[in-house]
Structure formats: structure tokens, C-alpha cells
Protein backbone atom coordinates (compact mmCIF):
# COMPACT_ATOMS: atom_id res chain seq x y z
CA MET A 1 14.53 3.97 -7.15
CA ILE A 2 12.40 3.31 -10.22
CA GLU A 3 13.90 3.06 -13.67
CA ILE A 4 12.18 2.80 -17.01
CA THR A 5 13.28 -0.36 -18.77
CA SER A 6 12.93 -1.20 -22.43
CA ASN A 7 9.46 -1.02 -23.90
CA GLN A 8 8.70 -3.90 -26.24
CA GLN A 9 5.54 -2.46 -27.77
CA ASP A 10 4.28 1.07 -28.13
CA ASN A 11 1.47 0.53 -25.61
CA VAL A 12 3.73 -1.08 -22.97
CA LEU A 13 5.51 0.69 -20.13
CA ALA A 14 8.11 -1.33 -18.24
CA PHE A 15 9.61 -0.28 -14.92
CA THR A 16 12.05 -1.85 -12.48
CA ALA A 17 12.10 -0.99 -8.79
CA HIS A 18 15.42 -1.06 -6.91
CA GLY A 19 16.14 -0.43 -3.25
CA ARG A 20 13.56 1.68 -1.45
CA VAL A 21 10.95 3.29 -3.73
CA THR A 22 10.04 6.85 -2.75
CA GLY A 23 7.26 9.27 -3.56
CA GLU A 24 9.84 11.26 -5.51
CA ASP A 25 10.46 8.18 -7.69
CA TYR A 26 6.78 8.08 -8.55
CA GLU A 27 6.51 11.83 -9.11
CA SER A 28 9.65 12.16 -11.24
CA VAL A 29 9.73 8.85 -13.16
CA LEU A 30 6.66 6.63 -13.08
CA ILE A 31 3.78 9.12 -13.16
CA PRO A 32 5.21 11.33 -15.94
CA ALA A 33 5.89 8.24 -18.08
CA ILE A 34 2.34 6.98 -17.56
CA GLU A 35 0.83 10.40 -18.30
CA ALA A 36 2.91 10.74 -21.48
CA LYS A 37 1.97 7.27 -22.70
CA LEU A 38 -1.72 7.91 -22.03
CA LYS A 39 -1.56 10.95 -24.31
CA GLU A 40 -0.53 8.55 -27.10
CA LYS A 41 -2.68 5.52 -26.25
CA PRO A 42 -6.07 5.23 -24.51
CA LYS A 43 -5.10 1.92 -22.86
CA ILE A 44 -1.66 0.81 -21.79
CA ARG A 45 0.02 -2.29 -20.47
CA LEU A 46 2.27 -1.97 -17.43
CA LEU A 47 5.14 -4.28 -16.54
CA TYR A 48 6.42 -3.64 -13.02
CA ASN A 49 9.52 -5.65 -12.12
CA PHE A 50 10.83 -5.66 -8.57
CA GLY A 51 14.60 -6.15 -8.69
CA SER A 52 16.34 -8.53 -6.32
CA ASP A 53 17.59 -5.49 -4.39
CA PHE A 54 14.07 -4.05 -3.86
CA SER A 55 13.58 -3.31 -0.16
CA GLY A 56 10.18 -1.63 0.07
CA PHE A 57 8.09 1.49 -0.43
CA GLU A 58 7.85 4.76 1.42
CA ALA A 59 4.28 5.60 2.46
CA LYS A 60 4.22 8.48 -0.06
CA ALA A 61 5.06 6.06 -2.88
CA LEU A 62 2.16 3.80 -1.90
CA TRP A 63 -0.16 6.81 -1.83
CA ASP A 64 1.07 7.96 -5.26
CA ASP A 65 0.56 4.43 -6.61
CA ALA A 66 -3.04 4.39 -5.41
CA LYS A 67 -3.69 7.87 -6.79
CA VAL A 68 -2.40 7.10 -10.29
CA GLY A 69 -4.52 3.96 -10.40
CA LEU A 70 -7.65 5.78 -9.27
CA GLN A 71 -7.08 8.74 -11.60
CA HIS A 72 -6.98 6.39 -14.59
CA PRO A 73 -9.35 3.51 -13.73
CA THR A 74 -9.92 2.43 -17.35
CA ALA A 75 -6.40 3.02 -18.67
CA TRP A 76 -4.94 -0.38 -17.84
CA GLU A 77 -5.25 -3.03 -20.53
CA LYS A 78 -3.05 -5.38 -18.49
CA ILE A 79 -0.69 -5.11 -15.54
CA ALA A 80 2.08 -7.61 -14.85
CA VAL A 81 4.07 -7.67 -11.61
CA VAL A 82 7.30 -9.66 -11.48
CA SER A 83 8.94 -10.36 -8.13
CA ASP A 84 10.39 -13.07 -5.96
CA ASN A 85 9.65 -11.00 -2.85
CA LYS A 86 7.02 -12.93 -0.85
CA TRP A 87 5.01 -9.95 0.37
CA VAL A 88 4.87 -8.42 -3.14
CA VAL A 89 3.67 -11.72 -4.58
CA GLY A 90 1.07 -12.05 -1.81
CA ALA A 91 -0.14 -8.47 -2.24
CA THR A 92 -0.75 -8.89 -5.96
CA LYS A 93 -2.71 -12.15 -5.91
């Protein structure tokens, strides 16, 4: 599950992942929020927090993540990933 968490600034999107993240989570929560924010701002900052209960991604979610990044290659001013999960930390270095 992905939930939108509080946005501190108008160019920041903050999300928290819980449990197993699915393609449906990306298609119904994350991607629409990114698309809406990009209509307002040409560059955005993304804060992606992995909750302590995060257990992984479905393959479709990983594919959707790659697609949204490739569809908007210049949209990201900064991206922050917060996790204590070892494989997430290793994958984002």
C-alpha cells in the first residue's frame, strides 16, 4: 500500500509504503499524484518513506516505478528515500 503523507512545500510529494506495494498502488495513488503535481510545477521533489512494515514490491509496481521515471526524466529536482530495510538502502546507493 502507498499513502500520500503531508507535503511540506508545494513542489514536494511525500509517500509512505506499507506492506506489499502493488502495481495498483502505483496506478491509483503514486502516478496520479505525480502527474497532478507536474501540471503545477515543472520540477518536483519526491520523498519516499518505506514504513517499518514494508515487505516488498510486486513486479508490476517495479515496472510502473521505472516507467514513471523514464516518462519524466527531467522532472525530479531531488529524490529522498528513507528506509531501514537493508535491500532498499543498498538499491538506492
